[in-house]
Each structure stands twice: as C-alpha cells, then as structure tokens.
Amino acid sequence: MAQRTWSSTVVEHHRLREDLAVVRLVGDVVPFRPGQYVDVSVPQNSRLLRRLSPALPPSHDGKLEFHVKTVPGGWVSGSIVKDTQPGDVWQILDPRGNLSVDENGPTVIMVAGGTGLAPLRSIILDLAQTSNPPQVYLFFGGRTLRDLYAADMLWLLADQFPWLQPIPVVEDLSDGGPPDGWFDRLNVDIGFGDDHLIEGTLADVVASYGAFTEHQVLVCGSAAMVRSTRDRLIEAGTPAEVIQFDPY
C-alpha cells in the first residue's frame, strides 16, 4: 500500500534556543492520534525524512505544532531549527506509534526528556477535552535548567488543570550550560521556583518514588534516556507491561 502524504504550510517559527525551535503549521487535516509521530519532509532537505511528534492533539482546522531539537550530525533537524521560514511547505507522512492514555484508567505517570515532551503534551491537551481526566504526574527534565524549554507553558497548564502535576527535573542545577543568545534574549520566567526543582537524572528521580503498579506509565525522549528510565522503573518494581515508551 502506498504511503499517504499530506501538505502543511509553516505559519510560525519560534527559535527558543540555539539548538531548538517550535514550528507551527496549517494545512491538510492529518489523521493522527495524540501521542503518535509522523515522518516529515521539509523543502531545505526534501530527500531526508525527520521523525517528529505533534505537540497538539488533532484539530479540524489542520493545525500542527512540532518541537525540534538539533541532534549531532542531524542535517534535517539542524536545517529545521535554523532555516525554516513561514511559507515553507512540509510533507507529512503516515502517523505511527502507540503511546496513549485510557481516560477512564488509573493515575498516569509521564516521563519526558527534552522534546520527548511533545507527544505527551498532545495527550495532556486531549485529556483536557474530556469530562473527568485521570490524575497526571509529568516528570520533565534535561541536563541543565536551560533545557526546560517548555517550563513556563507547563506552569500555566498546571494552573488551568488541577489534575496535572508537572515535576521539573534537572541533572545539574549548578550548570548553566554553554552561552546561548536565543535563550538570553527571551528572558523567560519559567514559573517554577527553586523549591519545585529536583536535581538528578529522570531515571533516578522517577524510580525513587517506588513501584508504579497501579498506574499508566509513559516514557518519551532520547533512546538512552528511555532505556535507562525503563530499566530503573522495572528495578524499582514497576511491571514492564505497564510501561509504554517511545525513544527518539
């Protein structure tokens, strides 16, 4: 069966960090489920596909949002972050992936490393449209405080949705990271104070809460982060079969 393709046009490109951007598009209605990912073809390098997860749930007006971080040697990701312009037309290929939440199920534990937050945010915003969402604990983190690129947005969502509890995790609170003019220019208040921040790796911090035996558990981020978090959760007593994971 031939792979289906949809067209979508860039309407906004927000550079948040030297290596990270949020891209918003409008176009064909792509029939994906919250938590899935798609392959995209961009005009700057149309022959190479990049796997991205929508950060918004499906909409009837064809709105899409992607969070894109440059990866070492990543020709497509680097080009998207640096060279994307409004008016660029992207090709979106068949959605795939199985991350999901049962809205009538038990408490949800989400673990997001970096832009692994995108599909989990899509699920959270979709749950917000239901009448009685389950409690959601969202552990999100990075190596430095600067890596919490969506902390301000999550702070606002938590204020709006009483069932959502974001938990920011930073590996080294004393490490400010390399100079980044884009970050300095934004001068964003992340909302979370020092008393909210937990120092450590996502794997260690989440596992320190013990076994999640009566929960829905979703882990998304880099392959190394997903692997270490899944291993630590299982060591702590969380059944492997309740852990859904999606490595980037």
Foldseek 3Di string as FASTA:
>chain_A
DDWDKWKWFWDDWAQQWLFKIKTKTFGDFAPDAQLWWWWKAWPVHRVDTDIWHFLAGGDPRRMTMTMAGDDVVDPVSNCSNPPDDGGTMMMIIHIDDDDADDQPAEEEEEEEEQRQCRSVNNRVNVSVPDDRGHQYEYEYEYAEPSSPRCLLVLLVVCVVDVSYHYQYEYQDHVDPDDDIPSNVVVPDDSNDDPVRYHHRQSLVVVLVVAADARYQYEYEEAPVSQVSNLVSNVVRPYDSVRYHYDHD
